[in-house]
Amino acid sequence: MIEISKDLYQSSAHIPFMHFTLHQYLLLTEEPVLVSTGTMQQAEQVLPEIKKLLNGKELKYILFPHIESDECGGLPVFLKEYPNVITVCSELSARELSGFGYKGEIQSKKHGELLTGNGFLFKFIDYPSEVHLQNGVVFYEETRKIFFSSDLMLRFGDAIGQTIDSSWKEEVGAINIERIPNENQLETLKNSLLEIEPKFIAVGHGFCVNCK
């Protein structure tokens, strides 16, 4: 894993035939937080690195934005290693996980709610990314001003450990109808995002962004 920003470690996989990069993140605080698990295969590969970084600590939380294999497919791997881990997700994802037989502890979050821990404060923002354009969530870590953008700010390329510079307004403005195929939901999301001022965007795919 690569320390891509202060306390934030990135695990990545590049898919050459798609020229596409997938990322997951470990926020290394006193109560460590994993943001997205990767697929089951990715989780199995990265688990030894995570254990090394944790250095005997337990993984406290797993956050993921919506039901998709690269976001939460590795949950069983981490639950087996860390049976007390708390999974935090949207209300729909929480229902889906229960329906799939997931046995770990789940906390559901909706727009405006917070997750406070030792060394972090996450704010949850509605993101219509679940099935049938129902709301998933994206995360803003207010202590470090890191926005975890999931699929919103996506770029192609081999972007492992790579960052680019941009402005937050430009990044929000670039979210278009292809990302959120409903004009009202798109406008609501953009307005919500413009209420925060990140310094760093930890993307789900592509190049992370230093906000200038």
N, C-alpha and C. Protein backbone atom coordinates (compact mmCIF):
# COMPACT_ATOMS: atom_id res chain seq x y z
N MET A 1 0.84 -1.19 0.00
CA MET A 1 0.00 0.00 0.00
C MET A 1 0.88 1.25 0.00
N ILE A 2 0.38 2.31 -0.63
CA ILE A 2 1.11 3.56 -0.79
C ILE A 2 0.47 4.63 0.08
N GLU A 3 1.28 5.39 0.83
CA GLU A 3 0.73 6.52 1.57
C GLU A 3 0.51 7.67 0.59
N ILE A 4 -0.73 7.84 0.18
CA ILE A 4 -1.08 8.80 -0.87
C ILE A 4 -1.35 10.18 -0.30
N SER A 5 -1.68 10.24 0.99
CA SER A 5 -1.89 11.49 1.72
C SER A 5 -1.65 11.19 3.19
N LYS A 6 -1.58 12.20 4.03
CA LYS A 6 -1.26 11.98 5.44
C LYS A 6 -2.23 10.98 6.07
N ASP A 7 -1.68 9.89 6.60
CA ASP A 7 -2.42 8.83 7.29
C ASP A 7 -3.28 7.98 6.35
N LEU A 8 -3.24 8.25 5.05
CA LEU A 8 -4.13 7.57 4.11
C LEU A 8 -3.31 6.69 3.16
N TYR A 9 -3.60 5.40 3.20
CA TYR A 9 -2.87 4.42 2.40
C TYR A 9 -3.78 3.88 1.30
N GLN A 10 -3.22 3.79 0.11
CA GLN A 10 -3.97 3.40 -1.08
C GLN A 10 -3.55 2.01 -1.54
N SER A 11 -4.53 1.16 -1.78
CA SER A 11 -4.31 -0.14 -2.41
C SER A 11 -4.97 -0.10 -3.78
N SER A 12 -4.28 -0.56 -4.81
CA SER A 12 -4.77 -0.36 -6.17
C SER A 12 -4.58 -1.59 -7.04
N ALA A 13 -5.40 -1.64 -8.08
CA ALA A 13 -5.24 -2.65 -9.13
C ALA A 13 -5.51 -1.97 -10.46
N HIS A 14 -4.60 -2.16 -11.42
CA HIS A 14 -4.78 -1.61 -12.76
C HIS A 14 -5.24 -2.72 -13.69
N ILE A 15 -6.28 -2.44 -14.47
CA ILE A 15 -6.81 -3.41 -15.43
C ILE A 15 -6.35 -2.95 -16.81
N PRO A 16 -5.31 -3.58 -17.37
CA PRO A 16 -4.70 -3.05 -18.60
C PRO A 16 -5.64 -2.96 -19.79
N PHE A 17 -6.48 -3.98 -20.01
CA PHE A 17 -7.29 -3.96 -21.22
C PHE A 17 -8.36 -2.86 -21.17
N MET A 18 -8.69 -2.39 -19.96
CA MET A 18 -9.63 -1.27 -19.80
C MET A 18 -8.89 0.05 -19.58
N HIS A 19 -7.58 -0.03 -19.31
CA HIS A 19 -6.79 1.15 -18.93
C HIS A 19 -7.48 1.86 -17.76
N PHE A 20 -7.75 1.07 -16.73
CA PHE A 20 -8.63 1.49 -15.64
C PHE A 20 -8.02 1.05 -14.32
N THR A 21 -8.06 1.93 -13.32
CA THR A 21 -7.46 1.64 -12.01
C THR A 21 -8.53 1.69 -10.93
N LEU A 22 -8.49 0.70 -10.03
CA LEU A 22 -9.40 0.63 -8.90
C LEU A 22 -8.62 0.85 -7.61
N HIS A 23 -9.20 1.61 -6.69
CA HIS A 23 -8.52 1.91 -5.43
C HIS A 23 -9.38 1.57 -4.22
N GLN A 24 -8.70 1.19 -3.15
CA GLN A 24 -9.28 1.12 -1.81
C GLN A 24 -8.32 1.86 -0.88
N TYR A 25 -8.83 2.23 0.30
CA TYR A 25 -8.03 3.08 1.19
C TYR A 25 -8.11 2.62 2.64
N LEU A 26 -6.98 2.76 3.32
CA LEU A 26 -6.90 2.54 4.76
C LEU A 26 -6.54 3.86 5.42
N LEU A 27 -7.42 4.36 6.29
CA LEU A 27 -7.11 5.54 7.09
C LEU A 27 -6.54 5.05 8.41
N LEU A 28 -5.25 5.29 8.59
CA LEU A 28 -4.53 4.71 9.71
C LEU A 28 -4.56 5.67 10.90
N THR A 29 -5.57 5.50 11.75
CA THR A 29 -5.73 6.28 12.96
C THR A 29 -5.75 5.31 14.14
N GLU A 30 -6.02 5.83 15.34
CA GLU A 30 -6.12 4.95 16.51
C GLU A 30 -7.25 3.95 16.35
N GLU A 31 -8.27 4.33 15.59
CA GLU A 31 -9.35 3.41 15.23
C GLU A 31 -9.35 3.30 13.70
N PRO A 32 -8.60 2.35 13.15
CA PRO A 32 -8.39 2.30 11.70
C PRO A 32 -9.68 2.08 10.91
N VAL A 33 -9.73 2.72 9.75
CA VAL A 33 -10.91 2.69 8.89
C VAL A 33 -10.49 2.25 7.49
N LEU A 34 -11.17 1.23 6.96
CA LEU A 34 -10.97 0.81 5.58
C LEU A 34 -12.11 1.37 4.75
N VAL A 35 -11.78 2.04 3.65
CA VAL A 35 -12.80 2.57 2.75
C VAL A 35 -12.80 1.74 1.48
N SER A 36 -13.83 0.92 1.35
CA SER A 36 -14.02 -0.05 0.27
C SER A 36 -13.06 -1.23 0.45
N THR A 37 -13.56 -2.41 0.17
CA THR A 37 -12.79 -3.63 0.42
C THR A 37 -12.07 -4.16 -0.81
N GLY A 38 -12.48 -3.72 -2.01
CA GLY A 38 -12.05 -4.42 -3.20
C GLY A 38 -12.84 -5.72 -3.33
N THR A 39 -12.59 -6.44 -4.41
CA THR A 39 -13.21 -7.75 -4.59
C THR A 39 -12.64 -8.72 -3.56
N MET A 40 -13.24 -9.90 -3.49
CA MET A 40 -12.72 -10.89 -2.55
C MET A 40 -11.26 -11.22 -2.86
N GLN A 41 -10.93 -11.34 -4.15
CA GLN A 41 -9.56 -11.65 -4.53
C GLN A 41 -8.60 -10.52 -4.13
N GLN A 42 -9.02 -9.28 -4.36
CA GLN A 42 -8.18 -8.14 -3.97
C GLN A 42 -8.00 -8.08 -2.46
N ALA A 43 -9.07 -8.35 -1.72
CA ALA A 43 -9.00 -8.33 -0.26
C ALA A 43 -8.02 -9.37 0.26
N GLU A 44 -8.05 -10.55 -0.32
CA GLU A 44 -7.12 -11.60 0.10
C GLU A 44 -5.68 -11.20 -0.17
N GLN A 45 -5.45 -10.49 -1.27
CA GLN A 45 -4.10 -10.08 -1.63
C GLN A 45 -3.58 -8.96 -0.72
N VAL A 46 -4.45 -8.03 -0.36
CA VAL A 46 -3.99 -6.85 0.39
C VAL A 46 -4.02 -7.06 1.90
N LEU A 47 -4.72 -8.08 2.37
CA LEU A 47 -4.85 -8.29 3.82
C LEU A 47 -3.49 -8.35 4.53
N PRO A 48 -2.49 -9.07 4.02
CA PRO A 48 -1.19 -9.08 4.72
C PRO A 48 -0.57 -7.69 4.86
N GLU A 49 -0.72 -6.84 3.85
CA GLU A 49 -0.19 -5.48 3.94
C GLU A 49 -0.94 -4.67 4.99
N ILE A 50 -2.25 -4.84 5.03
CA ILE A 50 -3.05 -4.12 6.03
C ILE A 50 -2.68 -4.56 7.43
N LYS A 51 -2.52 -5.85 7.63
CA LYS A 51 -2.13 -6.36 8.96
C LYS A 51 -0.78 -5.78 9.38
N LYS A 52 0.13 -5.67 8.43
CA LYS A 52 1.45 -5.11 8.74
C LYS A 52 1.33 -3.64 9.15
N LEU A 53 0.52 -2.88 8.42
CA LEU A 53 0.34 -1.46 8.75
C LEU A 53 -0.37 -1.29 10.09
N LEU A 54 -1.33 -2.15 10.38
CA LEU A 54 -2.06 -2.04 11.64
C LEU A 54 -1.19 -2.40 12.83
N ASN A 55 -0.19 -3.26 12.61
CA ASN A 55 0.80 -3.57 13.64
C ASN A 55 0.14 -4.00 14.96
N GLY A 56 -0.79 -4.92 14.84
CA GLY A 56 -1.44 -5.46 16.03
C GLY A 56 -2.76 -4.81 16.38
N LYS A 57 -3.07 -3.66 15.79
CA LYS A 57 -4.37 -3.03 16.03
C LYS A 57 -5.48 -3.80 15.31
N GLU A 58 -6.68 -3.66 15.82
CA GLU A 58 -7.84 -4.21 15.15
C GLU A 58 -8.36 -3.20 14.11
N LEU A 59 -8.88 -3.72 13.01
CA LEU A 59 -9.59 -2.87 12.07
C LEU A 59 -10.94 -2.52 12.68
N LYS A 60 -11.22 -1.23 12.85
CA LYS A 60 -12.42 -0.80 13.57
C LYS A 60 -13.64 -0.69 12.66
N TYR A 61 -13.46 -0.03 11.50
CA TYR A 61 -14.60 0.23 10.61
C TYR A 61 -14.25 -0.12 9.17
N ILE A 62 -15.28 -0.53 8.42
CA ILE A 62 -15.23 -0.61 6.97
C ILE A 62 -16.35 0.26 6.43
N LEU A 63 -16.01 1.23 5.59
CA LEU A 63 -17.01 2.07 4.93
C LEU A 63 -17.04 1.71 3.45
N PHE A 64 -18.23 1.64 2.88
CA PHE A 64 -18.33 1.50 1.42
C PHE A 64 -19.56 2.25 0.92
N PRO A 65 -19.51 2.75 -0.34
CA PRO A 65 -20.55 3.66 -0.82
C PRO A 65 -21.80 3.00 -1.39
N HIS A 66 -21.65 1.83 -2.02
CA HIS A 66 -22.80 1.16 -2.63
C HIS A 66 -22.44 -0.31 -2.87
N ILE A 67 -23.46 -1.10 -3.14
CA ILE A 67 -23.27 -2.53 -3.38
C ILE A 67 -22.66 -2.74 -4.76
N GLU A 68 -21.42 -3.20 -4.78
CA GLU A 68 -20.70 -3.56 -6.00
C GLU A 68 -19.48 -4.35 -5.56
N SER A 69 -19.05 -5.30 -6.36
CA SER A 69 -18.01 -6.22 -5.90
C SER A 69 -16.71 -5.52 -5.54
N ASP A 70 -16.35 -4.46 -6.28
CA ASP A 70 -15.09 -3.78 -5.96
C ASP A 70 -15.21 -2.87 -4.74
N GLU A 71 -16.44 -2.63 -4.29
CA GLU A 71 -16.65 -1.81 -3.10
C GLU A 71 -16.78 -2.65 -1.83
N CYS A 72 -17.43 -3.80 -1.93
CA CYS A 72 -17.71 -4.58 -0.72
C CYS A 72 -17.57 -6.08 -0.90
N GLY A 73 -17.05 -6.52 -2.04
CA GLY A 73 -16.92 -7.96 -2.27
C GLY A 73 -16.00 -8.65 -1.29
N GLY A 74 -15.04 -7.90 -0.73
CA GLY A 74 -14.08 -8.48 0.20
C GLY A 74 -14.52 -8.49 1.65
N LEU A 75 -15.76 -8.10 1.94
CA LEU A 75 -16.22 -8.06 3.33
C LEU A 75 -16.00 -9.37 4.08
N PRO A 76 -16.32 -10.54 3.49
CA PRO A 76 -16.12 -11.79 4.24
C PRO A 76 -14.66 -12.03 4.64
N VAL A 77 -13.73 -11.58 3.81
CA VAL A 77 -12.30 -11.75 4.11
C VAL A 77 -11.94 -10.96 5.37
N PHE A 78 -12.39 -9.72 5.44
CA PHE A 78 -12.04 -8.88 6.59
C PHE A 78 -12.83 -9.27 7.83
N LEU A 79 -14.06 -9.71 7.66
CA LEU A 79 -14.84 -10.15 8.81
C LEU A 79 -14.22 -11.39 9.45
N LYS A 80 -13.69 -12.28 8.64
CA LYS A 80 -13.04 -13.47 9.17
C LYS A 80 -11.81 -13.09 9.99
N GLU A 81 -11.03 -12.13 9.51
CA GLU A 81 -9.81 -11.71 10.20
C GLU A 81 -10.12 -10.80 11.39
N TYR A 82 -11.15 -9.96 11.24
CA TYR A 82 -11.51 -8.97 12.27
C TYR A 82 -13.00 -9.11 12.58
N PRO A 83 -13.38 -10.10 13.37
CA PRO A 83 -14.81 -10.40 13.58
C PRO A 83 -15.60 -9.29 14.26
N ASN A 84 -14.92 -8.34 14.90
CA ASN A 84 -15.62 -7.23 15.56
C ASN A 84 -15.70 -5.98 14.70
N VAL A 85 -15.24 -6.05 13.46
CA VAL A 85 -15.26 -4.88 12.60
C VAL A 85 -16.70 -4.43 12.35
N ILE A 86 -16.89 -3.11 12.28
CA ILE A 86 -18.22 -2.53 12.06
C ILE A 86 -18.28 -2.01 10.62
N THR A 87 -19.24 -2.51 9.86
CA THR A 87 -19.43 -2.07 8.49
C THR A 87 -20.42 -0.92 8.46
N VAL A 88 -20.06 0.17 7.78
CA VAL A 88 -20.88 1.38 7.72
C VAL A 88 -21.22 1.65 6.26
N CYS A 89 -22.51 1.81 5.96
CA CYS A 89 -22.94 1.92 4.58
C CYS A 89 -24.31 2.59 4.51
N SER A 90 -24.87 2.67 3.32
CA SER A 90 -26.20 3.25 3.15
C SER A 90 -27.27 2.33 3.73
N GLU A 91 -28.47 2.89 3.90
CA GLU A 91 -29.58 2.09 4.42
C GLU A 91 -29.91 0.95 3.47
N LEU A 92 -29.88 1.21 2.16
CA LEU A 92 -30.16 0.14 1.21
C LEU A 92 -29.10 -0.94 1.26
N SER A 93 -27.83 -0.54 1.30
CA SER A 93 -26.76 -1.54 1.38
C SER A 93 -26.88 -2.38 2.64
N ALA A 94 -27.26 -1.76 3.74
CA ALA A 94 -27.42 -2.51 4.99
C ALA A 94 -28.48 -3.59 4.84
N ARG A 95 -29.58 -3.26 4.18
CA ARG A 95 -30.62 -4.27 3.95
C ARG A 95 -30.13 -5.36 3.01
N GLU A 96 -29.39 -4.96 1.98
CA GLU A 96 -28.89 -5.95 1.02
C GLU A 96 -27.90 -6.91 1.68
N LEU A 97 -27.00 -6.38 2.50
CA LEU A 97 -26.03 -7.25 3.17
C LEU A 97 -26.73 -8.27 4.04
N SER A 98 -27.74 -7.84 4.77
CA SER A 98 -28.50 -8.79 5.60
C SER A 98 -29.15 -9.85 4.72
N GLY A 99 -29.68 -9.43 3.58
CA GLY A 99 -30.30 -10.38 2.66
C GLY A 99 -29.33 -11.37 2.07
N PHE A 100 -28.07 -10.96 1.92
CA PHE A 100 -27.04 -11.86 1.41
C PHE A 100 -26.44 -12.74 2.51
N GLY A 101 -26.88 -12.53 3.74
CA GLY A 101 -26.42 -13.38 4.84
C GLY A 101 -25.16 -12.91 5.54
N TYR A 102 -24.81 -11.63 5.37
CA TYR A 102 -23.64 -11.09 6.06
C TYR A 102 -23.91 -11.06 7.56
N LYS A 103 -22.97 -11.56 8.35
CA LYS A 103 -23.18 -11.74 9.79
C LYS A 103 -22.50 -10.69 10.66
N GLY A 104 -21.73 -9.81 10.07
CA GLY A 104 -21.03 -8.81 10.87
C GLY A 104 -21.94 -7.67 11.30
N GLU A 105 -21.43 -6.83 12.21
CA GLU A 105 -22.19 -5.67 12.67
C GLU A 105 -22.26 -4.63 11.56
N ILE A 106 -23.45 -4.07 11.37
CA ILE A 106 -23.69 -3.07 10.33
C ILE A 106 -24.30 -1.82 10.94
N GLN A 107 -23.78 -0.66 10.55
CA GLN A 107 -24.41 0.62 10.87
C GLN A 107 -24.80 1.29 9.57
N SER A 108 -26.04 1.71 9.45
CA SER A 108 -26.46 2.42 8.24
C SER A 108 -26.41 3.93 8.50
N LYS A 109 -26.07 4.67 7.46
CA LYS A 109 -25.98 6.12 7.56
C LYS A 109 -26.73 6.77 6.40
N LYS A 110 -27.24 7.97 6.65
CA LYS A 110 -27.89 8.74 5.60
C LYS A 110 -27.33 10.15 5.59
N HIS A 111 -27.83 10.94 4.67
CA HIS A 111 -27.27 12.26 4.41
C HIS A 111 -27.18 13.11 5.67
N GLY A 112 -26.00 13.69 5.88
CA GLY A 112 -25.79 14.60 6.99
C GLY A 112 -25.37 13.95 8.29
N GLU A 113 -25.48 12.63 8.37
CA GLU A 113 -25.08 11.96 9.60
C GLU A 113 -23.56 11.85 9.68
N LEU A 114 -23.06 11.63 10.90
CA LEU A 114 -21.63 11.63 11.17
C LEU A 114 -21.19 10.30 11.75
N LEU A 115 -19.92 10.01 11.56
CA LEU A 115 -19.24 8.91 12.25
C LEU A 115 -17.99 9.51 12.88
N THR A 116 -17.98 9.53 14.20
CA THR A 116 -16.87 10.13 14.95
C THR A 116 -16.06 9.04 15.63
N GLY A 117 -14.75 9.12 15.49
CA GLY A 117 -13.87 8.16 16.15
C GLY A 117 -12.62 8.84 16.66
N ASN A 118 -11.71 8.04 17.15
CA ASN A 118 -10.45 8.54 17.69
C ASN A 118 -9.54 8.94 16.52
N GLY A 119 -9.58 10.22 16.16
CA GLY A 119 -8.71 10.71 15.10
C GLY A 119 -9.39 10.96 13.78
N PHE A 120 -10.73 10.89 13.73
CA PHE A 120 -11.42 11.16 12.47
C PHE A 120 -12.85 11.60 12.72
N LEU A 121 -13.42 12.26 11.70
CA LEU A 121 -14.83 12.63 11.70
C LEU A 121 -15.34 12.53 10.27
N PHE A 122 -16.17 11.54 10.00
CA PHE A 122 -16.73 11.35 8.67
C PHE A 122 -18.14 11.95 8.60
N LYS A 123 -18.38 12.69 7.54
CA LYS A 123 -19.72 13.17 7.22
C LYS A 123 -20.22 12.40 6.00
N PHE A 124 -21.48 12.00 6.02
CA PHE A 124 -22.06 11.20 4.95
C PHE A 124 -22.94 12.07 4.06
N ILE A 125 -22.80 11.87 2.76
CA ILE A 125 -23.52 12.65 1.76
C ILE A 125 -24.24 11.69 0.82
N ASP A 126 -25.53 11.93 0.60
CA ASP A 126 -26.29 11.08 -0.31
C ASP A 126 -25.69 11.09 -1.71
N TYR A 127 -25.65 9.91 -2.31
CA TYR A 127 -25.09 9.71 -3.65
C TYR A 127 -25.95 8.66 -4.34
N PRO A 128 -26.77 9.03 -5.33
CA PRO A 128 -27.70 8.08 -5.95
C PRO A 128 -26.98 7.05 -6.82
N SER A 129 -26.34 6.11 -6.14
CA SER A 129 -25.48 5.14 -6.81
C SER A 129 -25.94 3.70 -6.63
N GLU A 130 -26.99 3.50 -5.84
CA GLU A 130 -27.49 2.15 -5.63
C GLU A 130 -28.42 1.75 -6.79
N VAL A 131 -28.89 0.53 -6.76
CA VAL A 131 -29.78 0.03 -7.79
C VAL A 131 -31.01 0.94 -7.91
N HIS A 132 -31.45 1.17 -9.16
CA HIS A 132 -32.61 2.02 -9.46
C HIS A 132 -32.42 3.46 -8.97
N LEU A 133 -31.19 3.93 -8.95
CA LEU A 133 -30.85 5.30 -8.54
C LEU A 133 -31.26 5.62 -7.11
N GLN A 134 -31.33 4.60 -6.28
CA GLN A 134 -31.54 4.85 -4.86
C GLN A 134 -30.23 5.34 -4.24
N ASN A 135 -30.34 5.92 -3.05
CA ASN A 135 -29.18 6.59 -2.46
C ASN A 135 -28.18 5.64 -1.83
N GLY A 136 -26.94 5.74 -2.32
CA GLY A 136 -25.79 5.26 -1.58
C GLY A 136 -25.24 6.44 -0.80
N VAL A 137 -23.96 6.36 -0.42
CA VAL A 137 -23.34 7.46 0.31
C VAL A 137 -21.90 7.64 -0.16
N VAL A 138 -21.45 8.88 -0.09
CA VAL A 138 -20.01 9.18 -0.19
C VAL A 138 -19.59 9.81 1.13
N PHE A 139 -18.28 9.90 1.34
CA PHE A 139 -17.76 10.23 2.67
C PHE A 139 -16.80 11.42 2.61
N TYR A 140 -16.94 12.30 3.59
CA TYR A 140 -16.02 13.42 3.74
C TYR A 140 -15.40 13.36 5.12
N GLU A 141 -14.07 13.17 5.16
CA GLU A 141 -13.37 13.11 6.45
C GLU A 141 -12.94 14.53 6.78
N GLU A 142 -13.63 15.12 7.75
CA GLU A 142 -13.49 16.55 8.00
C GLU A 142 -12.16 16.92 8.66
N THR A 143 -11.58 16.02 9.44
CA THR A 143 -10.34 16.34 10.14
C THR A 143 -9.21 16.63 9.16
N ARG A 144 -9.11 15.80 8.12
CA ARG A 144 -8.04 15.94 7.12
C ARG A 144 -8.54 16.57 5.83
N LYS A 145 -9.82 16.83 5.75
CA LYS A 145 -10.46 17.40 4.55
C LYS A 145 -10.23 16.50 3.33
N ILE A 146 -10.52 15.21 3.52
CA ILE A 146 -10.42 14.23 2.43
C ILE A 146 -11.82 13.82 2.01
N PHE A 147 -12.10 13.93 0.71
CA PHE A 147 -13.37 13.47 0.16
C PHE A 147 -13.14 12.14 -0.56
N PHE A 148 -13.91 11.14 -0.20
CA PHE A 148 -13.84 9.82 -0.84
C PHE A 148 -14.95 9.78 -1.89
N SER A 149 -14.56 9.86 -3.16
CA SER A 149 -15.52 10.20 -4.22
C SER A 149 -16.18 9.01 -4.89
N SER A 150 -15.80 7.78 -4.55
CA SER A 150 -16.37 6.60 -5.19
C SER A 150 -16.22 6.72 -6.71
N ASP A 151 -17.33 6.66 -7.46
CA ASP A 151 -17.27 6.69 -8.93
C ASP A 151 -17.53 8.08 -9.51
N LEU A 152 -17.65 9.09 -8.66
CA LEU A 152 -18.05 10.41 -9.15
C LEU A 152 -16.97 11.10 -9.97
N MET A 153 -15.73 10.99 -9.56
CA MET A 153 -14.64 11.73 -10.20
C MET A 153 -13.66 10.72 -10.79
N LEU A 154 -14.08 10.16 -11.89
CA LEU A 154 -13.43 9.00 -12.49
C LEU A 154 -12.62 9.41 -13.70
N ARG A 155 -11.39 8.90 -13.77
CA ARG A 155 -10.55 9.09 -14.94
C ARG A 155 -9.89 7.77 -15.30
N PHE A 156 -9.66 7.57 -16.58
CA PHE A 156 -8.98 6.37 -17.03
C PHE A 156 -7.47 6.57 -16.97
N GLY A 157 -6.74 5.45 -16.95
CA GLY A 157 -5.29 5.49 -16.93
C GLY A 157 -4.72 4.64 -15.82
N ASP A 158 -3.42 4.39 -15.92
CA ASP A 158 -2.69 3.68 -14.86
C ASP A 158 -2.35 4.72 -13.80
N ALA A 159 -3.14 4.74 -12.73
CA ALA A 159 -3.06 5.84 -11.77
C ALA A 159 -2.63 5.39 -10.39
N ILE A 160 -1.94 4.28 -10.31
CA ILE A 160 -1.51 3.77 -9.00
C ILE A 160 -0.53 4.76 -8.37
N GLY A 161 -0.89 5.28 -7.21
CA GLY A 161 -0.02 6.21 -6.48
C GLY A 161 0.13 7.57 -7.12
N GLN A 162 -0.72 7.89 -8.10
CA GLN A 162 -0.57 9.14 -8.85
C GLN A 162 -1.63 10.16 -8.43
N THR A 163 -1.24 11.43 -8.44
CA THR A 163 -2.17 12.52 -8.15
C THR A 163 -2.09 13.58 -9.24
N ILE A 164 -3.17 14.35 -9.34
CA ILE A 164 -3.19 15.51 -10.23
C ILE A 164 -3.68 16.71 -9.41
N ASP A 165 -3.53 17.90 -9.95
CA ASP A 165 -4.03 19.12 -9.31
C ASP A 165 -5.27 19.62 -10.04
N SER A 166 -6.23 20.07 -9.27
CA SER A 166 -7.44 20.64 -9.85
C SER A 166 -8.11 21.49 -8.77
N SER A 167 -9.23 22.10 -9.10
CA SER A 167 -10.01 22.82 -8.09
C SER A 167 -11.26 22.01 -7.76
N TRP A 168 -11.74 22.18 -6.55
CA TRP A 168 -12.93 21.45 -6.12
C TRP A 168 -14.13 21.83 -7.00
N LYS A 169 -14.30 23.10 -7.30
CA LYS A 169 -15.44 23.52 -8.12
C LYS A 169 -15.39 22.91 -9.51
N GLU A 170 -14.19 22.80 -10.08
CA GLU A 170 -14.06 22.18 -11.40
C GLU A 170 -14.43 20.70 -11.34
N GLU A 171 -14.00 20.03 -10.28
CA GLU A 171 -14.29 18.60 -10.16
C GLU A 171 -15.79 18.35 -9.99
N VAL A 172 -16.43 19.17 -9.17
CA VAL A 172 -17.88 19.03 -8.98
C VAL A 172 -18.61 19.38 -10.27
N GLY A 173 -18.17 20.45 -10.93
CA GLY A 173 -18.81 20.87 -12.17
C GLY A 173 -18.73 19.83 -13.28
N ALA A 174 -17.72 18.98 -13.23
CA ALA A 174 -17.52 17.97 -14.27
C ALA A 174 -18.42 16.75 -14.09
N ILE A 175 -19.09 16.63 -12.95
CA ILE A 175 -20.02 15.51 -12.76
C ILE A 175 -21.23 15.75 -13.65
N ASN A 176 -21.48 14.85 -14.58
CA ASN A 176 -22.52 15.10 -15.58
C ASN A 176 -23.62 14.03 -15.54
N ILE A 177 -24.52 14.15 -16.48
CA ILE A 177 -25.70 13.28 -16.52
C ILE A 177 -25.33 11.82 -16.78
N GLU A 178 -24.14 11.57 -17.32
CA GLU A 178 -23.69 10.19 -17.50
C GLU A 178 -23.40 9.53 -16.16
N ARG A 179 -22.96 10.32 -15.18
CA ARG A 179 -22.68 9.79 -13.85
C ARG A 179 -23.97 9.62 -13.04
N ILE A 180 -24.83 10.62 -13.11
CA ILE A 180 -26.10 10.60 -12.37
C ILE A 180 -27.21 10.87 -13.39
N PRO A 181 -27.83 9.84 -13.95
CA PRO A 181 -28.78 10.03 -15.06
C PRO A 181 -30.17 10.50 -14.61
N ASN A 182 -30.18 11.52 -13.77
CA ASN A 182 -31.43 12.15 -13.35
C ASN A 182 -31.08 13.60 -13.00
N GLU A 183 -31.67 14.55 -13.71
CA GLU A 183 -31.25 15.94 -13.57
C GLU A 183 -31.47 16.49 -12.16
N ASN A 184 -32.60 16.16 -11.56
CA ASN A 184 -32.87 16.67 -10.21
C ASN A 184 -31.90 16.10 -9.18
N GLN A 185 -31.64 14.79 -9.27
CA GLN A 185 -30.70 14.17 -8.34
C GLN A 185 -29.29 14.68 -8.55
N LEU A 186 -28.93 14.92 -9.81
CA LEU A 186 -27.61 15.46 -10.13
C LEU A 186 -27.43 16.85 -9.51
N GLU A 187 -28.42 17.70 -9.66
CA GLU A 187 -28.34 19.05 -9.12
C GLU A 187 -28.28 19.03 -7.59
N THR A 188 -29.08 18.17 -6.98
CA THR A 188 -29.07 18.06 -5.52
C THR A 188 -27.70 17.62 -5.02
N LEU A 189 -27.13 16.63 -5.69
CA LEU A 189 -25.80 16.13 -5.30
C LEU A 189 -24.75 17.23 -5.42
N LYS A 190 -24.75 17.94 -6.54
CA LYS A 190 -23.75 19.00 -6.74
C LYS A 190 -23.87 20.08 -5.67
N ASN A 191 -25.09 20.46 -5.34
CA ASN A 191 -25.28 21.47 -4.30
C ASN A 191 -24.75 20.99 -2.96
N SER A 192 -24.97 19.72 -2.66
CA SER A 192 -24.46 19.16 -1.40
C SER A 192 -22.95 19.16 -1.37
N LEU A 193 -22.33 18.82 -2.50
CA LEU A 193 -20.87 18.75 -2.56
C LEU A 193 -20.24 20.13 -2.43
N LEU A 194 -20.90 21.14 -2.94
CA LEU A 194 -20.33 22.49 -2.87
C LEU A 194 -20.40 23.08 -1.47
N GLU A 195 -21.04 22.38 -0.54
CA GLU A 195 -21.06 22.82 0.85
C GLU A 195 -19.79 22.43 1.61
N ILE A 196 -18.98 21.55 1.02
CA ILE A 196 -17.73 21.14 1.66
C ILE A 196 -16.55 21.69 0.87
N GLU A 197 -15.37 21.68 1.49
CA GLU A 197 -14.17 22.23 0.85
C GLU A 197 -12.99 21.28 1.07
N PRO A 198 -12.94 20.18 0.34
CA PRO A 198 -11.84 19.23 0.52
C PRO A 198 -10.50 19.79 0.04
N LYS A 199 -9.46 19.26 0.64
CA LYS A 199 -8.11 19.53 0.16
C LYS A 199 -7.59 18.38 -0.70
N PHE A 200 -8.22 17.21 -0.56
CA PHE A 200 -7.75 16.03 -1.28
C PHE A 200 -8.96 15.17 -1.64
N ILE A 201 -8.97 14.64 -2.87
CA ILE A 201 -10.02 13.72 -3.30
C ILE A 201 -9.40 12.34 -3.47
N ALA A 202 -9.85 11.40 -2.65
CA ALA A 202 -9.44 10.00 -2.75
C ALA A 202 -10.46 9.31 -3.66
N VAL A 203 -10.10 9.15 -4.91
CA VAL A 203 -11.05 8.65 -5.91
C VAL A 203 -11.17 7.13 -5.83
N GLY A 204 -12.29 6.63 -6.34
CA GLY A 204 -12.44 5.19 -6.45
C GLY A 204 -11.71 4.63 -7.65
N HIS A 205 -11.59 5.46 -8.70
CA HIS A 205 -10.96 5.03 -9.94
C HIS A 205 -10.19 6.20 -10.55
N GLY A 206 -8.96 5.93 -10.95
CA GLY A 206 -8.19 6.96 -11.63
C GLY A 206 -7.25 7.72 -10.72
N PHE A 207 -7.06 8.99 -11.01
CA PHE A 207 -6.04 9.81 -10.35
C PHE A 207 -6.64 10.57 -9.17
N CYS A 208 -6.02 10.44 -8.01
CA CYS A 208 -6.43 11.24 -6.86
C CYS A 208 -6.12 12.71 -7.15
N VAL A 209 -6.82 13.59 -6.43
CA VAL A 209 -6.79 15.01 -6.78
C VAL A 209 -6.37 15.86 -5.58
N ASN A 210 -5.34 16.68 -5.79
CA ASN A 210 -4.99 17.74 -4.84
C ASN A 210 -5.82 18.96 -5.20
N CYS A 211 -6.67 19.39 -4.29
CA CYS A 211 -7.56 20.52 -4.57
C CYS A 211 -6.84 21.84 -4.30
N LYS A 212 -6.75 22.66 -5.31
CA LYS A 212 -6.04 23.93 -5.22
C LYS A 212 -7.02 25.09 -5.11
